[in-house]
Amino acid sequence: MLELVMFDADGVLFDSEESNIAYYNAIFAGLGEPPMSHEEELAGVFMSANQIFEARASGEITGVYGLVKDLISYDQKMRMAISASGGARLNSVVVEDDAVAEQ
């Protein structure tokens, strides 16, 4: 019995971390800025999410639900498929609407 069909429409079924860093570094080079390290790329993703959650905790913003990975549920046998298809998007912050996102 087929339990899951997944289509990769945006290229997340391969490890794109290095290509993302190369992309960012090409932009930085064009701006005359030094290249970004792997650690800086990770810090940029997680730092911004941390800042959002700090603002939520302080009451500065409302309508922030959490990270995608914390809000979804799935059968553990699908863990690898979810991880491969979701990639870094699993660390995206889910908010109530566009107005919250603009904050």
C-alpha atoms as a PDB file:
ATOM      1  CA  MET A   1       0.000   0.000   0.000  1.00  0.00           C
ATOM      2  CA  LEU A   2       1.357   3.405  -0.981  1.00  0.00           C
ATOM      3  CA  GLU A   3       1.513   5.663   2.071  1.00  0.00           C
ATOM      4  CA  LEU A   4       3.309   8.755   0.805  1.00  0.00           C
ATOM      5  CA  VAL A   5       4.030  10.410  -2.520  1.00  0.00           C
ATOM      6  CA  MET A   6       6.314  13.397  -2.429  1.00  0.00           C
ATOM      7  CA  PHE A   7       7.240  15.699  -5.296  1.00  0.00           C
ATOM      8  CA  ASP A   8      10.384  17.797  -5.014  1.00  0.00           C
ATOM      9  CA  ALA A   9       9.366  20.966  -6.802  1.00  0.00           C
ATOM     10  CA  ASP A  10      12.002  23.235  -5.330  1.00  0.00           C
ATOM     11  CA  GLY A  11      15.190  21.199  -4.968  1.00  0.00           C
ATOM     12  CA  VAL A  12      15.168  20.283  -1.282  1.00  0.00           C
ATOM     13  CA  LEU A  13      15.882  16.578  -1.708  1.00  0.00           C
ATOM     14  CA  PHE A  14      19.596  17.236  -1.923  1.00  0.00           C
ATOM     15  CA  ASP A  15      21.884  18.866   0.640  1.00  0.00           C
ATOM     16  CA  SER A  16      21.799  22.469  -0.520  1.00  0.00           C
ATOM     17  CA  GLU A  17      23.716  23.946   2.412  1.00  0.00           C
ATOM     18  CA  GLU A  18      26.965  24.414   0.507  1.00  0.00           C
ATOM     19  CA  SER A  19      25.213  25.787  -2.579  1.00  0.00           C
ATOM     20  CA  ASN A  20      23.291  28.259  -0.400  1.00  0.00           C
ATOM     21  CA  ILE A  21      26.519  29.498   1.175  1.00  0.00           C
ATOM     22  CA  ALA A  22      28.120  29.798  -2.269  1.00  0.00           C
ATOM     23  CA  TYR A  23      25.090  31.794  -3.456  1.00  0.00           C
ATOM     24  CA  TYR A  24      25.269  34.172  -0.486  1.00  0.00           C
ATOM     25  CA  ASN A  25      29.027  34.545  -0.883  1.00  0.00           C
ATOM     26  CA  ALA A  26      28.664  35.421  -4.570  1.00  0.00           C
ATOM     27  CA  ILE A  27      26.303  38.227  -3.559  1.00  0.00           C
ATOM     28  CA  PHE A  28      28.688  39.376  -0.816  1.00  0.00           C
ATOM     29  CA  ALA A  29      31.611  39.337  -3.262  1.00  0.00           C
ATOM     30  CA  GLY A  30      29.630  41.538  -5.617  1.00  0.00           C
ATOM     31  CA  LEU A  31      29.113  43.971  -2.747  1.00  0.00           C
ATOM     32  CA  GLY A  32      32.781  43.857  -1.752  1.00  0.00           C
ATOM     33  CA  GLU A  33      32.004  42.063   1.516  1.00  0.00           C
ATOM     34  CA  PRO A  34      33.943  39.114   2.974  1.00  0.00           C
ATOM     35  CA  PRO A  35      32.516  35.609   2.507  1.00  0.00           C
ATOM     36  CA  MET A  36      30.152  34.080   5.037  1.00  0.00           C
ATOM     37  CA  SER A  37      31.197  30.955   6.920  1.00  0.00           C
ATOM     38  CA  HIS A  38      28.996  27.938   7.591  1.00  0.00           C
ATOM     39  CA  GLU A  39      28.681  29.034  11.231  1.00  0.00           C
ATOM     40  CA  GLU A  40      27.546  32.522  10.214  1.00  0.00           C
ATOM     41  CA  GLU A  41      24.915  31.072   7.880  1.00  0.00           C
ATOM     42  CA  LEU A  42      23.504  28.899  10.680  1.00  0.00           C
ATOM     43  CA  ALA A  43      23.636  31.753  13.194  1.00  0.00           C
ATOM     44  CA  GLY A  44      21.693  33.988  10.805  1.00  0.00           C
ATOM     45  CA  VAL A  45      18.818  31.512  10.607  1.00  0.00           C
ATOM     46  CA  PHE A  46      18.618  30.654  14.262  1.00  0.00           C
ATOM     47  CA  MET A  47      19.374  34.123  15.594  1.00  0.00           C
ATOM     48  CA  SER A  48      16.428  35.655  13.786  1.00  0.00           C
ATOM     49  CA  ALA A  49      14.054  32.953  15.065  1.00  0.00           C
ATOM     50  CA  ASN A  50      15.379  33.462  18.592  1.00  0.00           C
ATOM     51  CA  GLN A  51      14.739  37.192  18.324  1.00  0.00           C
ATOM     52  CA  ILE A  52      11.156  36.533  17.224  1.00  0.00           C
ATOM     53  CA  PHE A  53      10.542  34.212  20.169  1.00  0.00           C
ATOM     54  CA  GLU A  54      12.103  36.705  22.592  1.00  0.00           C
ATOM     55  CA  ALA A  55       9.759  39.394  21.268  1.00  0.00           C
ATOM     56  CA  ARG A  56       6.826  36.994  21.675  1.00  0.00           C
ATOM     57  CA  ALA A  57       7.852  36.150  25.254  1.00  0.00           C
ATOM     58  CA  SER A  58       8.122  39.831  26.163  1.00  0.00           C
ATOM     59  CA  GLY A  59       4.690  40.554  24.683  1.00  0.00           C
ATOM     60  CA  GLU A  60       6.182  42.808  22.007  1.00  0.00           C
ATOM     61  CA  ILE A  61       4.453  40.779  19.267  1.00  0.00           C
ATOM     62  CA  THR A  62       1.557  38.346  19.229  1.00  0.00           C
ATOM     63  CA  GLY A  63       0.395  35.805  16.678  1.00  0.00           C
ATOM     64  CA  VAL A  64       3.621  33.800  16.596  1.00  0.00           C
ATOM     65  CA  TYR A  65       2.828  30.075  16.766  1.00  0.00           C
ATOM     66  CA  GLY A  66       6.269  28.438  16.619  1.00  0.00           C
ATOM     67  CA  LEU A  67       8.622  26.586  14.299  1.00  0.00           C
ATOM     68  CA  VAL A  68       7.166  24.313  11.614  1.00  0.00           C
ATOM     69  CA  LYS A  69       9.080  21.340  13.044  1.00  0.00           C
ATOM     70  CA  ASP A  70       7.465  21.875  16.450  1.00  0.00           C
ATOM     71  CA  LEU A  71       3.948  22.266  15.074  1.00  0.00           C
ATOM     72  CA  ILE A  72       3.701  19.248  12.806  1.00  0.00           C
ATOM     73  CA  SER A  73       3.087  15.648  13.745  1.00  0.00           C
ATOM     74  CA  TYR A  74       3.806  12.554  11.703  1.00  0.00           C
ATOM     75  CA  ASP A  75       4.435   8.860  12.029  1.00  0.00           C
ATOM     76  CA  GLN A  76       8.105   8.317  12.967  1.00  0.00           C
ATOM     77  CA  LYS A  77       8.611   6.002  10.000  1.00  0.00           C
ATOM     78  CA  MET A  78       8.183   9.133   7.827  1.00  0.00           C
ATOM     79  CA  ARG A  79      10.866  11.087   9.713  1.00  0.00           C
ATOM     80  CA  MET A  80      13.502  10.852   6.961  1.00  0.00           C
ATOM     81  CA  ALA A  81      11.027  11.832   4.234  1.00  0.00           C
ATOM     82  CA  ILE A  82       9.829  14.815   6.265  1.00  0.00           C
ATOM     83  CA  SER A  83      13.399  15.890   7.012  1.00  0.00           C
ATOM     84  CA  ALA A  84      14.515  15.521   3.387  1.00  0.00           C
ATOM     85  CA  SER A  85      11.534  17.314   1.907  1.00  0.00           C
ATOM     86  CA  GLY A  86      11.302  20.015   4.543  1.00  0.00           C
ATOM     87  CA  GLY A  87      14.993  20.761   4.915  1.00  0.00           C
ATOM     88  CA  ALA A  88      15.710  24.137   6.471  1.00  0.00           C
ATOM     89  CA  ARG A  89      12.070  25.109   6.007  1.00  0.00           C
ATOM     90  CA  LEU A  90      11.255  23.018   9.070  1.00  0.00           C
ATOM     91  CA  ASN A  91      12.913  25.846  11.032  1.00  0.00           C
ATOM     92  CA  SER A  92      10.586  28.464   9.531  1.00  0.00           C
ATOM     93  CA  VAL A  93       8.493  30.460  11.961  1.00  0.00           C
ATOM     94  CA  VAL A  94       4.724  30.110  11.610  1.00  0.00           C
ATOM     95  CA  VAL A  95       2.707  33.240  12.295  1.00  0.00           C
ATOM     96  CA  GLU A  96      -0.979  34.118  12.278  1.00  0.00           C
ATOM     97  CA  ASP A  97      -1.004  36.324   9.175  1.00  0.00           C
ATOM     98  CA  ASP A  98       0.969  38.703   6.941  1.00  0.00           C
ATOM     99  CA  ALA A  99       0.629  41.572   9.404  1.00  0.00           C
ATOM    100  CA  VAL A 100       2.479  39.569  12.072  1.00  0.00           C
ATOM    101  CA  ALA A 101       5.101  38.499   9.530  1.00  0.00           C
ATOM    102  CA  GLU A 102       5.796  42.132   8.632  1.00  0.00           C
ATOM    103  CA  GLN A 103       6.698  42.921  12.236  1.00  0.00           C
END
